[in-house]
C-alpha cells in the first residue's frame, strides 16, 4: 500500500504557495485495510476516507466509466489493481494531475509542471468531456489564476460539451457550489468570460449572458457595454474583499438591462425593478441561500436611489431607509451600500472615485436608530394617539430627528465630475 499527495496541494507546492486542503490517493489497498488502520469512510459513491488524526481526505485509486449525461452518470471502479497512472489519467487538468510521494518526488505524466510555467489550463485526456462540472472548474481556475489562458483544444472540447447538452444535466446545487467558489476568487470576471466563450453562460445564466452588447449612457458609463460593466463591478467587489453575498448582489444588480426595450436604449428606464424580478427565478434555479437572494433583490431594486441619495432631504432619506428595512436590518443595509459602492466604481476611469453616499447614509441610519422610540410612543399615548396616528407621529419624529442632525452628516465633495468618456468599440448585441 502506497499513499501519494495529489491535486491542488502538489500544484500549490510547485507554485510556491501555501497548500490548502490536502488530498491523498492510496494505491494497492482495500476499504477494509483502511478501516482496520483507523480511517473513517465518508464516501458512499466511491471509497473516500478521513485520516484518524489529521482528518485529511484519502481516496482509493480509481477509474471511472461514463454511463449517462451529467456529472452523476458514472460507474466507479476501485480495487488494489488500479495504478497511480490510471488514477491521474482520469483527472481534469494537467496542473491538477500530479502526485508527490513521501520523499517529495513528483509524478507528472501529463505535463502539469510545464503548463504551470506556461500559464495554461489544459485537459488531461478525452475523458474530460464526460463530466460537465469540469467546465465550471476550468472557469473557476481561470478566476483563481487570471493570467492563465485556457488551451485552445480544451476550449474547443468545452464548446462541444455545451452543444451536446451536457451542461443542461448539471445539478443546481453543484452549479451554485462552483459559481460561489469562483465568485470568491481573485478575479471572478474571468470565470464568466470563460463560461461565455464556450457557450455555457447562455445555458446556465441567460439573464447575465444577455447583458453583453447592451449599451448604456456614456456620460455615466464610459465603458458603455453593460456586460463589461457588471464584470468590472464584480472585480471591484473582489478587490475590496467583499463577502459572497455582496459579490452575488453585484453580479445581479443590472440584470434588467438585458430586457430594456430597444427603442429607449441606451437609457434603461425602470431597469431596477426588472433586475429585482429576474433575481428571484435565477436564485431559485440554483438554490442560492436566501440571505444572498434577499440582498441581491434589495441592491437591484434600490441601487439607483442610493446613488442619487446625496440630493435627498430627511423625509426622502427616511423613506429610502424604510424601503430597505434598514432600521430593523442595519447589517444588511451596510452590505447593500458596499455593493452600491462597487457598482459606482466598476466603470471605466472611476475605480478610485470617492463614494460619499455610503458614509452619509450610514450616519443617517445611526441618527434614526438612535432616536428614542419608547419615549416618543409614551408621549403620543399621552396625547391619545393610537393606530395610524401613532405610526404617523413616530415617522414625523424620526424625520425631525434626522433633519436636526443633518448638519452633522458627512458632506460630499463640492464637485464630483464625470471623467471624459473614453473611446471604446461596442460589442454587437446578440439577437
Protein backbone atom coordinates (compact mmCIF):
# COMPACT_ATOMS: atom_id res chain seq x y z
CA UNK A 1 0.00 0.00 0.00
CA UNK A 2 1.37 3.42 -1.02
CA UNK A 3 -0.01 6.94 -0.45
CA UNK A 4 0.58 10.00 -2.61
CA UNK A 5 -0.27 13.66 -2.15
CA UNK A 6 -2.29 14.67 -5.21
CA UNK A 7 -4.12 17.52 -6.92
CA UNK A 8 -4.15 21.08 -5.67
CA UNK A 9 -1.64 20.58 -2.87
CA UNK A 10 1.04 19.45 -5.37
CA UNK A 11 0.13 22.27 -7.75
CA UNK A 12 0.39 24.89 -5.00
CA UNK A 13 3.67 23.41 -3.76
CA UNK A 14 5.18 23.82 -7.23
CA UNK A 15 3.83 27.38 -7.40
CA UNK A 16 5.45 28.17 -4.05
CA UNK A 17 2.09 28.88 -2.44
CA UNK A 18 0.75 27.68 0.91
CA UNK A 19 -1.19 24.45 0.50
CA UNK A 20 -4.86 24.48 1.38
CA UNK A 21 -6.67 21.20 1.90
CA UNK A 22 -4.51 18.16 1.29
CA UNK A 23 -5.90 15.24 -0.70
CA UNK A 24 -4.24 11.85 -0.82
CA UNK A 25 -4.65 8.81 -3.08
CA UNK A 26 -3.99 5.31 -1.81
CA UNK A 27 -2.71 2.66 -4.22
CA UNK A 28 -2.79 -1.07 -3.55
CA UNK A 29 -5.32 -1.01 -0.70
CA UNK A 30 -8.90 -2.08 0.01
CA UNK A 31 -11.53 -0.27 2.08
CA UNK A 32 -11.18 -2.96 4.76
CA UNK A 33 -7.46 -2.27 5.08
CA UNK A 34 -8.05 1.43 5.69
CA UNK A 35 -10.86 0.81 8.18
CA UNK A 36 -8.62 -1.57 10.09
CA UNK A 37 -5.98 1.21 10.19
CA UNK A 38 -8.48 3.55 11.85
CA UNK A 39 -9.64 5.54 8.80
CA UNK A 40 -13.30 6.61 8.71
CA UNK A 41 -15.19 6.09 5.45
CA UNK A 42 -17.19 9.15 4.34
CA UNK A 43 -17.84 8.48 0.64
CA UNK A 44 -20.89 6.48 -0.43
CA UNK A 45 -20.39 6.63 -4.21
CA UNK A 46 -16.70 5.68 -4.07
CA UNK A 47 -14.20 4.89 -1.30
CA UNK A 48 -13.14 8.11 0.43
CA UNK A 49 -11.79 8.14 3.98
CA UNK A 50 -10.75 10.62 6.66
CA UNK A 51 -7.41 10.11 8.36
CA UNK A 52 -7.95 9.24 12.05
CA UNK A 53 -5.65 12.04 13.24
CA UNK A 54 -5.31 14.75 10.56
CA UNK A 55 -8.86 14.32 9.16
CA UNK A 56 -7.36 14.81 5.70
CA UNK A 57 -9.08 13.07 2.80
CA UNK A 58 -7.73 9.78 1.46
CA UNK A 59 -9.28 8.16 -1.61
CA UNK A 60 -8.54 4.76 -3.07
CA UNK A 61 -7.11 4.94 -6.59
CA UNK A 62 -9.97 4.59 -9.02
CA UNK A 63 -11.12 4.74 -12.62
CA UNK A 64 -14.49 5.83 -13.98
CA UNK A 65 -16.76 4.86 -16.86
CA UNK A 66 -19.38 7.22 -18.34
CA UNK A 67 -22.93 5.80 -18.36
CA UNK A 68 -25.27 8.83 -18.67
CA UNK A 69 -25.43 12.62 -19.05
CA UNK A 70 -24.34 14.82 -16.18
CA UNK A 71 -21.67 14.53 -13.54
CA UNK A 72 -23.51 11.70 -11.73
CA UNK A 73 -23.59 9.45 -14.79
CA UNK A 74 -20.52 7.37 -13.86
CA UNK A 75 -19.64 3.91 -12.71
CA UNK A 76 -16.59 4.00 -10.42
CA UNK A 77 -14.11 1.13 -10.26
CA UNK A 78 -11.67 0.86 -7.38
CA UNK A 79 -9.54 -2.08 -6.25
CA UNK A 80 -5.88 -2.72 -5.36
CA UNK A 81 -5.01 -3.29 -9.02
CA UNK A 82 -5.76 0.31 -10.06
CA UNK A 83 -2.46 2.12 -10.58
CA UNK A 84 -1.43 5.67 -9.78
CA UNK A 85 -1.06 6.31 -13.52
CA UNK A 86 -4.66 5.23 -14.15
CA UNK A 87 -5.95 7.40 -11.33
CA UNK A 88 -4.08 10.51 -12.52
CA UNK A 89 -5.26 9.93 -16.06
CA UNK A 90 -8.93 10.47 -15.08
CA UNK A 91 -8.32 13.92 -13.56
CA UNK A 92 -9.46 17.21 -15.11
CA UNK A 93 -6.47 19.49 -15.76
CA UNK A 94 -2.81 18.73 -16.20
CA UNK A 95 -1.91 21.10 -13.37
CA UNK A 96 -4.12 19.01 -11.06
CA UNK A 97 -2.90 15.61 -12.32
CA UNK A 98 0.39 15.40 -10.45
CA UNK A 99 1.29 13.32 -7.41
CA UNK A 100 4.04 13.54 -4.79
CA UNK A 101 5.34 10.65 -2.73
CA UNK A 102 6.60 10.75 0.85
CA UNK A 103 10.13 11.65 -0.36
CA UNK A 104 8.88 14.66 -2.31
CA UNK A 105 9.32 13.03 -5.71
CA UNK A 106 6.69 14.33 -8.15
CA UNK A 107 4.97 12.08 -10.68
CA UNK A 108 3.96 14.24 -13.64
CA UNK A 109 2.75 12.16 -16.57
CA UNK A 110 0.75 14.82 -18.40
CA UNK A 111 2.95 17.94 -18.46
CA UNK A 112 1.36 19.66 -15.48
CA UNK A 113 4.54 21.41 -14.35
CA UNK A 114 5.15 22.60 -17.92
CA UNK A 115 1.64 24.05 -18.11
CA UNK A 116 2.09 25.71 -14.73
CA UNK A 117 5.16 27.52 -16.01
CA UNK A 118 3.41 28.47 -19.26
CA UNK A 119 0.20 29.55 -17.51
CA UNK A 120 -2.11 27.18 -19.40
CA UNK A 121 -5.25 25.36 -18.28
CA UNK A 122 -5.27 22.16 -20.35
CA UNK A 123 -7.36 19.00 -20.02
CA UNK A 124 -5.61 15.72 -19.27
CA UNK A 125 -7.38 13.38 -21.69
CA UNK A 126 -10.52 12.96 -23.81
CA UNK A 127 -12.24 11.71 -20.63
CA UNK A 128 -12.59 15.39 -19.69
CA UNK A 129 -15.72 15.63 -21.83
CA UNK A 130 -17.54 13.05 -19.69
CA UNK A 131 -18.02 15.39 -16.71
CA UNK A 132 -19.66 18.82 -17.31
CA UNK A 133 -18.65 20.03 -13.85
CA UNK A 134 -15.17 20.31 -15.30
CA UNK A 135 -16.32 23.23 -17.44
CA UNK A 136 -17.18 25.10 -14.25
CA UNK A 137 -13.90 24.05 -12.66
CA UNK A 138 -11.84 25.34 -15.59
CA UNK A 139 -13.71 28.65 -15.40
CA UNK A 140 -13.14 28.81 -11.65
CA UNK A 141 -9.42 28.12 -12.03
CA UNK A 142 -9.26 30.92 -14.61
CA UNK A 143 -10.68 33.25 -11.92
CA UNK A 144 -8.12 32.00 -9.41
CA UNK A 145 -5.22 32.35 -11.88
CA UNK A 146 -6.31 35.25 -14.10
CA UNK A 147 -3.03 35.30 -16.01
CA UNK A 148 -3.61 31.69 -17.17
CA UNK A 149 -5.21 31.01 -20.54
CA UNK A 150 -7.40 28.08 -21.49
CA UNK A 151 -5.77 25.83 -24.08
CA UNK A 152 -7.47 26.09 -27.47
CA UNK A 153 -8.15 22.36 -27.60
CA UNK A 154 -9.69 22.47 -24.11
CA UNK A 155 -11.95 25.38 -25.03
CA UNK A 156 -12.99 23.53 -28.18
CA UNK A 157 -13.87 20.44 -26.14
CA UNK A 158 -15.87 22.52 -23.65
CA UNK A 159 -17.78 24.14 -26.50
CA UNK A 160 -18.65 20.71 -27.90
CA UNK A 161 -19.82 19.56 -24.46
CA UNK A 162 -22.18 22.54 -24.22
CA UNK A 163 -23.54 21.82 -27.69
CA UNK A 164 -24.11 18.19 -26.72
CA UNK A 165 -26.34 19.25 -23.80
CA UNK A 166 -24.01 18.12 -21.01
CA UNK A 167 -24.36 21.43 -19.15
CA UNK A 168 -28.15 21.09 -19.09
CA UNK A 169 -27.78 17.93 -17.00
CA UNK A 170 -25.89 19.65 -14.16
CA UNK A 171 -27.45 19.51 -10.69
CA UNK A 172 -28.37 23.05 -9.47
CA UNK A 173 -26.64 22.67 -6.10
CA UNK A 174 -23.36 21.71 -7.78
CA UNK A 175 -23.59 24.64 -10.18
CA UNK A 176 -24.06 27.05 -7.27
CA UNK A 177 -21.19 25.43 -5.37
CA UNK A 178 -18.79 26.06 -8.23
CA UNK A 179 -20.17 29.55 -9.01
CA UNK A 180 -19.90 30.55 -5.35
CA UNK A 181 -16.29 29.40 -5.19
CA UNK A 182 -15.50 31.23 -8.42
CA UNK A 183 -17.14 34.42 -7.18
CA UNK A 184 -14.73 34.38 -4.24
CA UNK A 185 -11.60 34.08 -6.39
CA UNK A 186 -9.18 36.92 -7.07
CA UNK A 187 -10.74 37.92 -10.42
CA UNK A 188 -14.23 36.44 -10.71
CA UNK A 189 -14.89 38.10 -14.07
CA UNK A 190 -12.54 35.56 -15.67
CA UNK A 191 -14.87 32.74 -14.69
CA UNK A 192 -17.75 34.33 -16.59
CA UNK A 193 -15.54 35.19 -19.56
CA UNK A 194 -14.61 31.51 -19.92
CA UNK A 195 -18.20 30.34 -19.48
CA UNK A 196 -19.33 32.86 -22.06
CA UNK A 197 -16.66 31.86 -24.56
CA UNK A 198 -17.64 28.18 -24.55
CA UNK A 199 -21.38 28.94 -24.56
CA UNK A 200 -22.11 27.63 -21.05
CA UNK A 201 -23.10 31.04 -19.69
CA UNK A 202 -26.02 31.28 -22.11
CA UNK A 203 -27.30 27.92 -20.87
CA UNK A 204 -26.71 28.40 -17.14
CA UNK A 205 -27.24 32.16 -16.70
CA UNK A 206 -29.09 33.52 -19.75
CA UNK A 207 -30.10 36.59 -17.73
CA UNK A 208 -26.44 37.50 -17.32
CA UNK A 209 -25.35 36.44 -20.80
CA UNK A 210 -27.92 38.83 -22.31
CA UNK A 211 -26.05 41.88 -20.95
CA UNK A 212 -23.11 41.79 -23.38
CA UNK A 213 -23.66 44.14 -26.28
CA UNK A 214 -26.30 46.17 -24.41
CA UNK A 215 -25.25 49.87 -24.48
CA UNK A 216 -25.52 52.33 -21.58
CA UNK A 217 -25.36 56.15 -21.45
CA UNK A 218 -21.72 57.07 -21.94
CA UNK A 219 -21.87 60.01 -19.53
CA UNK A 220 -22.39 57.63 -16.58
CA UNK A 221 -20.80 54.52 -18.09
CA UNK A 222 -17.67 55.28 -20.11
CA UNK A 223 -17.25 51.52 -20.58
CA UNK A 224 -20.63 51.60 -22.43
CA UNK A 225 -21.28 47.83 -22.57
CA UNK A 226 -23.46 46.51 -19.74
CA UNK A 227 -21.79 43.10 -19.59
CA UNK A 228 -18.38 44.73 -19.35
CA UNK A 229 -19.68 47.00 -16.59
CA UNK A 230 -21.04 44.12 -14.49
CA UNK A 231 -17.72 42.30 -14.72
CA UNK A 232 -15.89 45.46 -13.64
CA UNK A 233 -18.26 45.79 -10.65
CA UNK A 234 -17.62 42.17 -9.71
CA UNK A 235 -13.86 42.66 -9.82
CA UNK A 236 -14.19 45.81 -7.69
CA UNK A 237 -16.00 43.68 -5.11
CA UNK A 238 -13.16 41.14 -5.21
CA UNK A 239 -10.59 43.91 -4.87
CA UNK A 240 -12.45 45.18 -1.79
CA UNK A 241 -12.51 41.69 -0.24
CA UNK A 242 -16.32 41.68 -0.22
CA UNK A 243 -18.36 38.75 1.08
CA UNK A 244 -20.05 36.21 -1.19
CA UNK A 245 -23.44 37.87 -0.56
CA UNK A 246 -22.13 41.24 -1.77
CA UNK A 247 -20.45 39.70 -4.81
CA UNK A 248 -23.65 37.90 -5.77
CA UNK A 249 -25.58 41.18 -5.43
CA UNK A 250 -23.02 42.86 -7.69
CA UNK A 251 -23.46 40.09 -10.25
CA UNK A 252 -27.25 40.54 -10.28
CA UNK A 253 -27.71 44.30 -9.88
CA UNK A 254 -28.20 45.17 -13.59
CA UNK A 255 -29.88 42.03 -14.94
CA UNK A 256 -32.90 44.06 -16.04
CA UNK A 257 -30.88 45.98 -18.60
CA UNK A 258 -30.92 42.88 -20.77
CA UNK A 259 -34.68 43.37 -21.13
CA UNK A 260 -34.68 47.10 -21.86
CA UNK A 261 -36.86 47.86 -24.91
CA UNK A 262 -34.65 48.59 -27.91
CA UNK A 263 -36.43 51.89 -28.66
CA UNK A 264 -35.22 53.53 -25.41
CA UNK A 265 -31.60 52.33 -25.48
CA UNK A 266 -29.06 53.38 -24.26
CA UNK A 267 -31.32 54.66 -21.44
CA UNK A 268 -32.60 51.98 -19.06
CA UNK A 269 -35.76 53.39 -17.52
CA UNK A 270 -37.06 51.22 -14.62
CA UNK A 271 -34.35 48.62 -15.09
CA UNK A 272 -34.04 48.36 -11.30
CA UNK A 273 -37.44 46.70 -10.90
CA UNK A 274 -36.81 44.43 -13.87
CA UNK A 275 -33.49 43.41 -12.31
CA UNK A 276 -35.10 42.65 -8.94
CA UNK A 277 -37.70 40.43 -10.61
CA UNK A 278 -35.06 38.47 -12.53
CA UNK A 279 -33.03 37.79 -9.37
CA UNK A 280 -35.87 35.68 -7.95
CA UNK A 281 -36.10 32.88 -10.55
CA UNK A 282 -32.34 32.86 -11.14
CA UNK A 283 -31.70 32.40 -7.41
CA UNK A 284 -34.35 29.72 -7.09
CA UNK A 285 -32.94 27.86 -10.07
CA UNK A 286 -29.62 27.32 -8.31
CA UNK A 287 -30.97 27.25 -4.75
CA UNK A 288 -28.95 30.31 -3.77
CA UNK A 289 -29.06 30.90 0.02
CA UNK A 290 -31.98 33.14 0.98
CA UNK A 291 -29.82 35.83 2.59
CA UNK A 292 -27.82 36.20 -0.64
CA UNK A 293 -31.01 36.33 -2.71
CA UNK A 294 -32.62 38.96 -0.45
CA UNK A 295 -29.56 41.20 -0.56
CA UNK A 296 -29.35 40.87 -4.36
CA UNK A 297 -33.03 41.86 -4.71
CA UNK A 298 -32.53 44.87 -2.45
CA UNK A 299 -29.45 46.08 -4.33
CA UNK A 300 -31.07 45.51 -7.72
CA UNK A 301 -34.17 47.48 -6.69
CA UNK A 302 -32.57 50.36 -4.79
CA UNK A 303 -29.08 50.96 -6.20
CA UNK A 304 -30.24 53.86 -8.39
CA UNK A 305 -31.92 55.55 -5.43
CA UNK A 306 -28.86 55.00 -3.24
CA UNK A 307 -26.62 56.54 -5.91
CA UNK A 308 -28.94 59.58 -6.03
CA UNK A 309 -29.21 59.94 -2.24
CA UNK A 310 -26.80 62.88 -1.94
CA UNK A 311 -29.58 65.22 -3.04
CA UNK A 312 -32.28 63.78 -0.76
CA UNK A 313 -33.78 65.62 2.21
CA UNK A 314 -34.57 63.98 5.53
CA UNK A 315 -38.06 62.79 4.57
CA UNK A 316 -36.83 61.09 1.38
CA UNK A 317 -33.85 59.52 3.16
CA UNK A 318 -36.16 58.04 5.76
CA UNK A 319 -38.36 56.61 3.01
CA UNK A 320 -35.27 55.03 1.47
CA UNK A 321 -34.23 53.55 4.83
CA UNK A 322 -37.76 52.20 5.34
CA UNK A 323 -37.85 50.58 1.89
CA UNK A 324 -34.52 48.91 2.65
CA UNK A 325 -35.74 47.80 6.11
CA UNK A 326 -32.51 49.41 7.30
CA UNK A 327 -33.71 50.29 10.80
CA UNK A 328 -34.56 46.67 11.54
CA UNK A 329 -31.71 45.13 9.49
CA UNK A 330 -28.78 47.58 9.60
CA UNK A 331 -26.18 44.92 8.81
CA UNK A 332 -27.88 44.02 5.54
CA UNK A 333 -28.20 47.70 4.62
CA UNK A 334 -24.46 48.14 5.19
CA UNK A 335 -23.80 45.26 2.78
CA UNK A 336 -26.13 46.86 0.21
CA UNK A 337 -24.16 50.09 0.43
CA UNK A 338 -20.93 48.13 -0.07
CA UNK A 339 -22.35 46.61 -3.27
CA UNK A 340 -23.51 50.04 -4.47
CA UNK A 341 -20.04 51.46 -3.94
CA UNK A 342 -18.61 48.65 -6.08
CA UNK A 343 -21.23 49.50 -8.73
CA UNK A 344 -20.23 53.16 -8.72
CA UNK A 345 -16.54 52.30 -9.05
CA UNK A 346 -16.93 49.48 -11.56
CA UNK A 347 -16.77 51.87 -14.52
CA UNK A 348 -14.00 52.88 -16.87
CA UNK A 349 -11.82 55.51 -15.17
CA UNK A 350 -13.85 55.58 -11.93
CA UNK A 351 -12.31 52.85 -9.80
CA UNK A 352 -10.74 55.35 -7.39
CA UNK A 353 -13.65 57.76 -7.28
CA UNK A 354 -14.99 58.55 -3.76
CA UNK A 355 -18.46 57.30 -2.86
CA UNK A 356 -19.81 59.65 -0.15
CA UNK A 357 -23.28 58.11 -0.32
CA UNK A 358 -22.13 55.21 1.81
CA UNK A 359 -20.85 57.09 4.92
CA UNK A 360 -23.66 59.65 4.61
CA UNK A 361 -26.44 57.03 4.60
CA UNK A 362 -24.79 55.04 7.37
CA UNK A 363 -24.62 58.20 9.50
CA UNK A 364 -28.26 58.96 8.70
CA UNK A 365 -29.24 55.46 9.76
CA UNK A 366 -27.43 55.89 13.06
CA UNK A 367 -29.34 59.12 13.69
CA UNK A 368 -32.65 57.38 13.08
CA UNK A 369 -31.75 54.27 15.09
CA UNK A 370 -30.54 56.46 17.95
CA UNK A 371 -33.95 58.09 18.16
CA UNK A 372 -35.76 57.16 21.42
CA UNK A 373 -38.88 55.46 20.08
CA UNK A 374 -40.06 54.37 23.56
CA UNK A 375 -40.20 57.95 24.85
CA UNK A 376 -41.99 59.14 21.71
CA UNK A 377 -44.59 56.35 22.00
CA UNK A 378 -45.25 57.35 25.61
CA UNK A 379 -45.64 60.97 24.58
CA UNK A 380 -48.06 60.14 21.76
CA UNK A 381 -50.06 57.84 24.01
CA UNK A 382 -50.36 60.70 26.46
CA UNK A 383 -51.90 62.73 23.65
CA UNK A 384 -54.37 59.94 22.97
CA UNK A 385 -52.85 58.83 19.69
CA UNK A 386 -53.13 55.23 18.51
CA UNK A 387 -53.08 53.12 15.34
CA UNK A 388 -52.24 55.08 12.21
CA UNK A 389 -51.94 58.29 14.21
CA UNK A 390 -49.27 56.66 16.36
CA UNK A 391 -47.34 55.41 13.30
CA UNK A 392 -47.51 58.80 11.58
CA UNK A 393 -46.35 60.51 14.76
CA UNK A 394 -43.31 58.25 15.15
CA UNK A 395 -42.44 58.74 11.48
CA UNK A 396 -42.66 62.54 11.82
CA UNK A 397 -40.48 62.48 14.94
CA UNK A 398 -37.85 60.40 13.14
CA UNK A 399 -37.81 62.85 10.23
CA UNK A 400 -37.41 65.70 12.69
CA UNK A 401 -34.51 63.94 14.40
CA UNK A 402 -32.90 63.25 11.04
CA UNK A 403 -33.28 66.85 9.88
CA UNK A 404 -31.96 68.16 13.20
CA UNK A 405 -28.80 66.10 12.84
CA UNK A 406 -28.36 66.71 9.13
CA UNK A 407 -25.58 69.25 9.62
CA UNK A 408 -23.53 66.55 11.30
CA UNK A 409 -23.80 64.09 8.40
CA UNK A 410 -20.74 63.56 6.20
CA UNK A 411 -20.75 66.07 3.37
CA UNK A 412 -19.96 65.03 -0.21
CA UNK A 413 -17.09 66.72 -2.04
CA UNK A 414 -18.04 70.02 -3.62
CA UNK A 415 -17.66 68.55 -7.11
CA UNK A 416 -17.78 65.02 -8.39
CA UNK A 417 -17.15 65.44 -12.08
CA UNK A 418 -17.63 62.61 -14.53
CA UNK A 419 -14.39 61.79 -16.40
CA UNK A 420 -14.26 62.24 -20.12
CA UNK A 421 -15.70 59.23 -21.86
CA UNK A 422 -13.05 57.04 -23.41
CA UNK A 423 -13.45 55.93 -26.97
CA UNK A 424 -14.09 52.20 -26.95
CA UNK A 425 -15.65 49.86 -29.51
CA UNK A 426 -19.03 48.46 -28.52
CA UNK A 427 -19.65 44.75 -28.80
CA UNK A 428 -22.56 43.89 -31.05
CA UNK A 429 -25.70 42.93 -29.21
CA UNK A 430 -26.68 39.33 -29.79
CA UNK A 431 -30.04 38.61 -31.38
